[in-house]
Amino acid sequence: MMKEESRMPNNILLPRINEIGAGSIDRVADVLAALGVSRPLIVTDAMMGELGYVDRLTQRLRQAGIAFGVFDETVPEPTEISIKAGVAAMQAGADDGQPYDSLIALGGGSPIDSAKAIGVLGHFGGEIRDYKFPNQASEVGLPVIAIPTTAGTGSEATRFTIITDDAVDEKMLCVGIGFMPTAAILDYELTLSVPARVTADTGIDALTHAMEAYVSKKANPYSDQQALAAMRLIGPNLRRVFHEPTDRRAREAMMLGSYLAGVAFSNASVALVHGMSRPIGAAFHVPHGMSNAMLLPAVTEYSIPAAPARYADCARAIGIANPANTDLAAVNLLDKELRALNAELGVPSPGDFGIARDAWTAQLATMAEQALASGSPGNNPRVPDAEQIVALYETCWF
C-alpha cells in the first residue's frame, strides 16, 4: 500500500521523442527534423569511433545533408575539466563559423551525462557546481538526442547528470529539466559489442535504479509501474547477456529494461546505494555500475526491515520469488540472489578491486559526508546517519 503522501501530484518528465528497436540509430536525421534542428555537435568518446558507430552516425547525417561536428574527448567519469572542453567545442561552432543548435550524445552513460552538462553550461553559462543539488537546472537549453550504447545507466531518460569536481574529488549530482534529453534512440544492436565486464556492471546499475526507485520515499504510482516493468525485463536477462553476449532477444530486453529503470528513478529518485556509490567512484575511480554492485547486497539487507513488502515485490518482479512466497521468504530470496548475482558476474569487493584497506578506512568519514550531502540517502526506506554509513562501507570492504 502506497503511503498517503505519495498521492500528491507528481512531476513526470520523459524524452519528447523515443525511437526504439534494431536499426533505430539510422533514424537520427528524422529525429533532428522533428525537433526543428539541423546543426548537431556529436558528443562521444574515442571508443565509439573505433567501433565504427561514429562513422555510421555521420554517414546518415551526410546522406541527409546535415552539417555536424564531433567532440570525442569525453572521459569515463566526466569531470569539470572535460565538460569545459566540450563547452568550448560547442561554443566555437562548426568550421564554417555557424553555431551548433543541438547535441547528439553517442555512447554509454559518460558521453550522455557529458552532453547534458555541455548543453546546459554552453547555453546558460556558469560553472557545473552552480547546478549541484539542491540547485536545479530549471530551463531547457539546446536539445540533446541521446543514443545509449550500453544497457545500464538509463541516462537517456533522466533529469540527472553526475560530474566530478576535480578540485575536491567529489561526484556532484546535478538535477533539473535542463538535463532531460529531448529525444532518445534505443538501438539494442549497439550493445552487442559491449564486453562482459561492462555488461555486468551496467546491468546491475539498471537493476539498482529500478529497485531504488521502487523503494524510494519519493516513489509514486507512475514510477512504480516503470520500476516493476524494468525488473521483469532485467531479472531473467542479466545473466543471459553476460554469458551469451550475442543473444539479441536478451540484449533487447536489457536495453528496454534499462530505459524503463531510468524513467522510474528520474521520476522517483534513487536512494542509499547511489548516495554511497558516488563517493567511491570519486575517491577510487571505481566505475559507477561496479560501485553500485559492490554496495547493493549490504545496503539492501540494511534497508529491508523498513520496507519488507516493497522489497518482496522486487523479488517477485525479478523472478526469484512467486506470489505464494510470504514477504519474509521473498526478501530472504532477494538477499541470496543479490549476493549470488555478484559472485556469478564477477563483481569485485573494494579490496579485490585493489583498494588498500588503510586507504579505504581513511576515506570513510569523507565518503559518508558526501553521501549524505547528495540527498539520495534521505530517500531510502531506512535513513542512516553518518556513523551507520561508515559501518556499511566497512561491511563492504573485504
Protein backbone atom coordinates (compact mmCIF):
# COMPACT_ATOMS: atom_id res chain seq x y z
CA MET A 1 0.00 0.00 0.00
CA MET A 2 1.41 3.38 -1.03
CA LYS A 3 1.74 5.95 1.72
CA GLU A 4 -0.90 8.70 1.57
CA GLU A 5 1.62 11.45 0.81
CA SER A 6 2.62 9.66 -2.42
CA ARG A 7 -0.86 10.52 -3.80
CA MET A 8 0.20 14.14 -4.11
CA PRO A 9 0.77 15.45 -7.67
CA ASN A 10 3.98 14.24 -9.29
CA ASN A 11 6.07 16.00 -11.94
CA ILE A 12 6.69 13.35 -14.62
CA LEU A 13 9.37 14.05 -17.24
CA LEU A 14 10.18 11.96 -20.32
CA PRO A 15 12.11 12.49 -23.56
CA ARG A 16 9.76 14.05 -26.12
CA ILE A 17 10.69 11.56 -28.87
CA ASN A 18 11.67 7.91 -28.39
CA GLU A 19 12.89 5.73 -31.26
CA ILE A 20 13.14 2.12 -30.10
CA GLY A 21 14.35 -1.03 -31.84
CA ALA A 22 17.04 -2.53 -34.04
CA GLY A 23 18.44 -0.06 -36.53
CA SER A 24 16.79 2.96 -34.91
CA ILE A 25 20.11 4.84 -34.97
CA ASP A 26 19.53 5.22 -38.70
CA ARG A 27 16.53 7.46 -37.97
CA VAL A 28 18.67 10.19 -36.42
CA ALA A 29 18.07 12.63 -39.29
CA ASP A 30 14.30 12.20 -38.92
CA VAL A 31 14.58 12.92 -35.19
CA LEU A 32 16.56 16.10 -35.84
CA ALA A 33 13.98 17.22 -38.38
CA ALA A 34 11.13 16.56 -35.96
CA LEU A 35 12.90 18.75 -33.41
CA GLY A 36 13.46 21.53 -35.94
CA VAL A 37 17.26 21.46 -35.64
CA SER A 38 19.92 20.78 -38.26
CA ARG A 39 23.43 21.52 -36.92
CA PRO A 40 24.29 18.98 -34.21
CA LEU A 41 27.51 18.51 -32.30
CA ILE A 42 28.12 14.81 -31.69
CA VAL A 43 29.41 14.23 -28.14
CA THR A 44 31.11 10.86 -27.82
CA ASP A 45 34.39 9.13 -26.96
CA ALA A 46 37.25 7.55 -28.88
CA MET A 47 35.91 4.00 -28.42
CA MET A 48 32.73 4.82 -30.33
CA GLY A 49 34.95 5.83 -33.23
CA GLU A 50 36.94 2.60 -33.03
CA LEU A 51 33.75 0.53 -33.04
CA GLY A 52 32.53 2.31 -36.17
CA TYR A 53 29.44 3.80 -34.52
CA VAL A 54 30.52 7.39 -35.15
CA ASP A 55 31.03 6.63 -38.85
CA ARG A 56 27.60 5.02 -39.07
CA LEU A 57 26.00 8.04 -37.45
CA THR A 58 27.85 10.63 -39.51
CA GLN A 59 27.12 8.72 -42.72
CA ARG A 60 23.40 9.07 -42.05
CA LEU A 61 23.82 12.78 -41.34
CA ARG A 62 25.78 13.33 -44.57
CA GLN A 63 23.16 11.47 -46.56
CA ALA A 64 20.55 13.84 -45.17
CA GLY A 65 22.69 16.90 -45.96
CA ILE A 66 23.10 17.78 -42.28
CA ALA A 67 26.18 19.71 -41.16
CA PHE A 68 27.69 18.46 -37.91
CA GLY A 69 30.73 18.49 -35.64
CA VAL A 70 32.32 15.81 -33.47
CA PHE A 71 33.65 16.18 -29.93
CA ASP A 72 35.12 12.80 -28.98
CA GLU A 73 37.07 13.76 -25.86
CA THR A 74 34.60 12.74 -23.15
CA VAL A 75 36.10 10.67 -20.33
CA PRO A 76 34.73 7.59 -18.50
CA GLU A 77 33.83 9.54 -15.36
CA PRO A 78 33.05 13.11 -16.58
CA THR A 79 34.89 15.88 -14.78
CA GLU A 80 34.53 19.64 -14.70
CA ILE A 81 37.65 19.91 -16.88
CA SER A 82 36.30 17.53 -19.53
CA ILE A 83 32.96 19.36 -19.57
CA LYS A 84 34.68 22.72 -20.08
CA ALA A 85 36.48 21.29 -23.12
CA GLY A 86 33.13 20.20 -24.55
CA VAL A 87 31.57 23.60 -23.86
CA ALA A 88 34.47 25.26 -25.70
CA ALA A 89 33.90 22.97 -28.70
CA MET A 90 30.18 23.74 -28.68
CA GLN A 91 30.66 27.49 -28.43
CA ALA A 92 33.33 27.53 -31.15
CA GLY A 93 30.75 26.28 -33.63
CA ALA A 94 31.41 24.46 -36.87
CA ASP A 95 34.28 25.10 -39.27
CA ASP A 96 32.06 27.48 -41.24
CA GLY A 97 31.60 29.60 -38.13
CA GLN A 98 27.93 28.76 -37.68
CA PRO A 99 26.77 27.75 -34.19
CA TYR A 100 25.51 24.29 -33.27
CA ASP A 101 21.82 24.09 -32.47
CA SER A 102 21.69 20.65 -30.85
CA LEU A 103 23.75 17.84 -29.34
CA ILE A 104 23.83 14.13 -30.17
CA ALA A 105 25.18 12.04 -27.30
CA LEU A 106 26.54 8.71 -28.51
CA GLY A 107 27.94 6.16 -26.06
CA GLY A 108 27.50 4.94 -22.52
CA GLY A 109 26.39 7.00 -19.56
CA SER A 110 29.51 9.16 -19.59
CA PRO A 111 29.05 10.72 -23.06
CA ILE A 112 25.34 11.19 -22.36
CA ASP A 113 25.97 12.79 -18.96
CA SER A 114 28.66 14.93 -20.58
CA ALA A 115 26.35 16.12 -23.35
CA LYS A 116 23.69 17.09 -20.82
CA ALA A 117 26.16 19.22 -18.88
CA ILE A 118 27.70 20.70 -22.03
CA GLY A 119 24.26 21.68 -23.29
CA VAL A 120 23.28 23.46 -20.09
CA LEU A 121 26.61 25.20 -19.46
CA GLY A 122 27.15 26.08 -23.10
CA HIS A 123 23.72 27.68 -23.34
CA PHE A 124 23.28 29.29 -19.90
CA GLY A 125 26.89 29.71 -18.73
CA GLY A 126 28.22 29.38 -15.20
CA GLU A 127 30.11 26.53 -13.57
CA ILE A 128 28.86 22.99 -13.22
CA ARG A 129 28.91 23.33 -9.41
CA ASP A 130 26.24 26.01 -9.84
CA TYR A 131 23.88 23.17 -10.73
CA LYS A 132 24.87 20.84 -7.90
CA PHE A 133 21.91 19.51 -5.90
CA PRO A 134 19.86 21.05 -4.30
CA ASN A 135 20.17 23.68 -7.04
CA GLN A 136 18.12 22.97 -10.16
CA ALA A 137 18.63 23.44 -13.89
CA SER A 138 15.07 24.63 -14.38
CA GLU A 139 15.31 25.75 -18.02
CA VAL A 140 15.87 23.75 -21.20
CA GLY A 141 18.96 24.56 -23.22
CA LEU A 142 19.93 23.00 -26.55
CA PRO A 143 18.07 19.81 -27.47
CA VAL A 144 20.00 16.61 -26.62
CA ILE A 145 19.42 13.43 -28.62
CA ALA A 146 20.74 10.55 -26.51
CA ILE A 147 21.86 7.31 -28.17
CA PRO A 148 22.99 4.84 -25.48
CA THR A 149 25.37 2.01 -26.38
CA THR A 150 25.11 0.24 -23.01
CA ALA A 151 22.08 -1.10 -21.14
CA GLY A 152 22.53 0.29 -17.69
CA THR A 153 22.77 3.97 -16.86
CA GLY A 154 19.34 4.99 -18.15
CA SER A 155 20.80 8.47 -18.60
CA GLU A 156 18.87 8.85 -21.85
CA ALA A 157 15.67 9.05 -19.76
CA THR A 158 16.71 11.03 -16.70
CA ARG A 159 16.78 14.60 -15.42
CA PHE A 160 20.15 13.94 -13.74
CA THR A 161 23.81 14.12 -14.61
CA ILE A 162 26.85 13.22 -12.50
CA ILE A 163 30.00 15.32 -12.88
CA THR A 164 33.15 15.15 -10.75
CA ASP A 165 34.52 18.33 -9.21
CA ASP A 166 38.23 17.83 -9.95
CA ALA A 167 39.32 20.21 -7.22
CA VAL A 168 37.90 18.17 -4.33
CA ASP A 169 37.29 14.73 -5.93
CA GLU A 170 33.54 14.93 -5.35
CA LYS A 171 30.94 13.48 -7.69
CA MET A 172 28.24 16.13 -7.97
CA LEU A 173 24.61 15.18 -8.55
CA CYS A 174 23.09 17.78 -10.87
CA VAL A 175 19.33 17.82 -11.31
CA GLY A 176 16.67 19.55 -13.37
CA ILE A 177 14.58 19.67 -16.51
CA GLY A 178 17.58 21.14 -18.33
CA PHE A 179 19.34 17.78 -18.08
CA MET A 180 16.48 15.74 -19.58
CA PRO A 181 17.29 14.62 -23.15
CA THR A 182 14.79 15.83 -25.71
CA ALA A 183 14.95 12.56 -27.63
CA ALA A 184 16.22 9.03 -27.03
CA ILE A 185 17.23 6.49 -29.67
CA LEU A 186 17.32 2.96 -28.20
CA ASP A 187 19.05 0.66 -30.68
CA TYR A 188 19.91 -2.54 -28.80
CA GLU A 189 22.18 -3.68 -31.64
CA LEU A 190 24.70 -1.11 -30.40
CA THR A 191 25.08 -3.18 -27.20
CA LEU A 192 26.08 -6.41 -28.96
CA SER A 193 29.76 -5.46 -28.85
CA VAL A 194 29.78 -4.46 -25.16
CA PRO A 195 32.33 -6.57 -23.20
CA ALA A 196 31.18 -8.86 -20.41
CA ARG A 197 32.57 -6.69 -17.58
CA VAL A 198 30.73 -3.59 -18.79
CA THR A 199 27.60 -5.64 -19.49
CA ALA A 200 27.60 -6.88 -15.89
CA ASP A 201 28.31 -3.54 -14.24
CA THR A 202 25.81 -1.55 -16.29
CA GLY A 203 23.20 -4.29 -15.95
CA ILE A 204 23.42 -4.28 -12.16
CA ASP A 205 23.32 -0.48 -12.30
CA ALA A 206 19.98 -0.71 -14.14
CA LEU A 207 18.68 -3.24 -11.63
CA THR A 208 19.72 -0.91 -8.80
CA HIS A 209 17.90 2.01 -10.47
CA ALA A 210 14.68 0.03 -10.65
CA MET A 211 14.89 -1.31 -7.10
CA GLU A 212 15.78 2.04 -5.56
CA ALA A 213 13.04 3.84 -7.49
CA TYR A 214 10.52 1.31 -6.19
CA VAL A 215 11.55 1.55 -2.53
CA SER A 216 12.28 5.30 -2.61
CA LYS A 217 10.28 7.57 -0.32
CA LYS A 218 9.55 9.58 -3.48
CA ALA A 219 8.02 6.59 -5.29
CA ASN A 220 4.66 7.23 -6.94
CA PRO A 221 2.14 5.13 -8.89
CA TYR A 222 3.71 6.08 -12.23
CA SER A 223 7.31 5.33 -11.23
CA ASP A 224 6.21 2.07 -9.57
CA GLN A 225 4.89 0.70 -12.84
CA GLN A 226 8.07 1.59 -14.73
CA ALA A 227 10.27 0.11 -11.99
CA LEU A 228 8.37 -3.17 -11.84
CA ALA A 229 8.37 -3.49 -15.64
CA ALA A 230 12.12 -2.83 -15.67
CA MET A 231 12.80 -5.52 -13.07
CA ARG A 232 10.69 -8.03 -15.01
CA LEU A 233 12.88 -7.39 -18.07
CA ILE A 234 16.25 -7.24 -16.31
CA GLY A 235 15.83 -10.13 -13.85
CA PRO A 236 15.63 -13.01 -16.37
CA ASN A 237 18.09 -11.50 -18.86
CA LEU A 238 21.08 -10.07 -16.98
CA ARG A 239 22.89 -13.38 -16.57
CA ARG A 240 21.97 -14.32 -20.13
CA VAL A 241 23.61 -11.30 -21.76
CA PHE A 242 26.68 -11.77 -19.56
CA HIS A 243 27.17 -15.38 -20.65
CA GLU A 244 25.73 -15.09 -24.17
CA PRO A 245 26.52 -11.57 -25.40
CA THR A 246 25.04 -12.11 -28.88
CA ASP A 247 21.60 -13.14 -27.56
CA ARG A 248 19.62 -10.47 -29.38
CA ARG A 249 16.36 -11.02 -27.53
CA ALA A 250 18.10 -10.70 -24.16
CA ARG A 251 20.01 -7.61 -25.31
CA GLU A 252 16.76 -6.02 -26.47
CA ALA A 253 15.10 -6.76 -23.12
CA MET A 254 18.04 -5.29 -21.20
CA MET A 255 18.04 -2.10 -23.29
CA LEU A 256 14.32 -1.55 -22.72
CA GLY A 257 14.64 -2.51 -19.04
CA SER A 258 17.47 -0.03 -18.58
CA TYR A 259 15.39 2.73 -20.18
CA LEU A 260 12.33 1.99 -18.02
CA ALA A 261 14.53 1.91 -14.91
CA GLY A 262 15.84 5.32 -15.93
CA VAL A 263 12.29 6.62 -16.32
CA ALA A 264 11.46 5.19 -12.89
CA PHE A 265 14.31 6.72 -10.93
CA SER A 266 14.17 10.01 -12.82
CA ASN A 267 10.62 10.37 -11.57
CA ALA A 268 11.12 8.90 -8.08
CA SER A 269 14.84 9.33 -7.33
CA VAL A 270 17.48 6.86 -6.24
CA ALA A 271 18.38 6.14 -2.63
CA LEU A 272 21.18 4.94 -0.37
CA VAL A 273 23.10 2.73 -2.81
CA HIS A 274 23.66 5.61 -5.19
CA GLY A 275 24.37 8.07 -2.40
CA MET A 276 27.17 5.82 -1.13
CA SER A 277 28.35 4.79 -4.60
CA ARG A 278 29.27 8.20 -5.99
CA PRO A 279 31.96 8.94 -3.35
CA ILE A 280 33.61 5.56 -4.05
CA GLY A 281 33.87 6.47 -7.72
CA ALA A 282 35.27 9.90 -6.95
CA ALA A 283 37.85 8.73 -4.40
CA PHE A 284 38.97 5.45 -6.00
CA HIS A 285 37.87 5.72 -9.66
CA VAL A 286 35.67 2.65 -9.49
CA PRO A 287 33.22 2.53 -12.44
CA HIS A 288 29.79 3.67 -11.32
CA GLY A 289 27.91 0.46 -12.06
CA MET A 290 30.56 -1.61 -10.32
CA SER A 291 30.50 0.52 -7.18
CA ASN A 292 26.70 0.17 -7.08
CA ALA A 293 27.09 -3.60 -7.37
CA MET A 294 29.64 -3.64 -4.54
CA LEU A 295 27.09 -1.97 -2.26
CA LEU A 296 23.74 -3.39 -3.38
CA PRO A 297 23.61 -6.58 -1.26
CA ALA A 298 24.69 -4.96 2.03
CA VAL A 299 22.57 -1.83 1.60
CA THR A 300 19.53 -3.89 0.65
CA GLU A 301 19.96 -6.10 3.72
CA TYR A 302 20.23 -2.95 5.87
CA SER A 303 17.12 -1.40 4.29
CA ILE A 304 14.72 -4.37 4.13
CA PRO A 305 13.40 -4.06 7.71
CA ALA A 306 11.95 -0.62 6.87
CA ALA A 307 10.10 -1.76 3.71
CA PRO A 308 9.79 -5.57 3.61
CA ALA A 309 6.68 -5.58 1.41
CA ARG A 310 8.33 -3.35 -1.18
CA TYR A 311 11.49 -5.44 -1.32
CA ALA A 312 9.34 -8.57 -1.55
CA ASP A 313 7.67 -7.03 -4.62
CA CYS A 314 11.16 -6.55 -6.09
CA ALA A 315 11.98 -10.21 -5.53
CA ARG A 316 8.79 -11.27 -7.31
CA ALA A 317 9.34 -8.86 -10.22
CA ILE A 318 12.91 -10.07 -10.72
CA GLY A 319 11.55 -13.60 -10.86
CA ILE A 320 13.21 -15.19 -7.84
CA ALA A 321 10.05 -15.31 -5.69
CA ASN A 322 6.43 -16.01 -6.54
CA PRO A 323 3.06 -14.88 -5.19
CA ALA A 324 2.90 -17.94 -2.94
CA ASN A 325 6.02 -16.84 -1.05
CA THR A 326 5.50 -14.79 2.09
CA ASP A 327 7.17 -11.40 2.17
CA LEU A 328 9.72 -12.79 4.62
CA ALA A 329 10.56 -15.68 2.33
CA ALA A 330 10.73 -13.33 -0.67
CA VAL A 331 13.17 -10.88 0.92
CA ASN A 332 15.37 -13.76 2.08
CA LEU A 333 15.47 -14.98 -1.53
CA LEU A 334 16.30 -11.45 -2.67
CA ASP A 335 19.22 -11.21 -0.26
CA LYS A 336 20.62 -14.51 -1.52
CA GLU A 337 20.04 -13.58 -5.15
CA LEU A 338 21.94 -10.28 -4.99
CA ARG A 339 24.97 -11.97 -3.45
CA ALA A 340 24.80 -14.85 -5.93
CA LEU A 341 24.47 -12.43 -8.84
CA ASN A 342 27.60 -10.53 -7.79
CA ALA A 343 29.52 -13.81 -7.46
CA GLU A 344 28.42 -15.14 -10.85
CA LEU A 345 29.09 -11.86 -12.65
CA GLY A 346 32.50 -11.47 -11.00
CA VAL A 347 31.82 -8.22 -9.17
CA PRO A 348 34.90 -7.48 -7.04
CA SER A 349 34.83 -6.20 -3.49
CA PRO A 350 36.67 -2.90 -2.92
CA GLY A 351 39.61 -4.96 -1.63
CA ASP A 352 39.60 -7.23 -4.67
CA PHE A 353 39.44 -4.15 -6.89
CA GLY A 354 42.79 -3.14 -5.43
CA ILE A 355 41.80 -0.53 -2.86
CA ALA A 356 44.12 -0.81 0.15
CA ARG A 357 42.37 -1.22 3.49
CA ASP A 358 44.10 1.79 5.06
CA ALA A 359 43.23 3.99 2.07
CA TRP A 360 39.61 2.84 2.28
CA THR A 361 39.44 3.49 6.02
CA ALA A 362 40.99 6.93 5.65
CA GLN A 363 38.20 8.00 3.25
CA LEU A 364 35.21 6.65 5.17
CA ALA A 365 34.25 9.83 7.03
CA THR A 366 34.58 11.98 3.89
CA MET A 367 32.64 9.49 1.77
CA ALA A 368 29.85 9.34 4.36
CA GLU A 369 29.66 13.13 4.43
CA GLN A 370 29.49 13.33 0.63
CA ALA A 371 26.87 10.58 0.51
CA LEU A 372 24.59 12.45 2.91
CA ALA A 373 25.17 15.76 1.12
CA SER A 374 23.93 14.25 -2.16
CA GLY A 375 20.43 13.91 -0.69
CA SER A 376 19.93 10.38 -2.01
CA PRO A 377 20.19 8.59 1.37
CA GLY A 378 17.21 10.63 2.57
CA ASN A 379 15.03 8.81 0.02
CA ASN A 380 15.92 5.40 1.46
CA PRO A 381 13.27 3.45 3.39
CA ARG A 382 15.70 3.36 6.32
CA VAL A 383 17.61 6.63 6.53
CA PRO A 384 21.10 6.28 8.03
CA ASP A 385 23.29 8.78 9.81
CA ALA A 386 26.96 9.22 9.01
CA GLU A 387 28.04 6.61 11.56
CA GLN A 388 25.75 3.99 10.02
CA ILE A 389 27.01 4.79 6.52
CA VAL A 390 30.60 4.34 7.71
CA ALA A 391 29.60 0.96 9.18
CA LEU A 392 28.07 -0.08 5.86
CA TYR A 393 31.21 0.96 3.98
CA GLU A 394 33.26 -1.13 6.41
CA THR A 395 30.99 -4.13 5.82
CA CYS A 396 31.54 -3.89 2.07
CA TRP A 397 35.34 -3.92 2.21
CA PHE A 398 36.76 -7.43 2.14
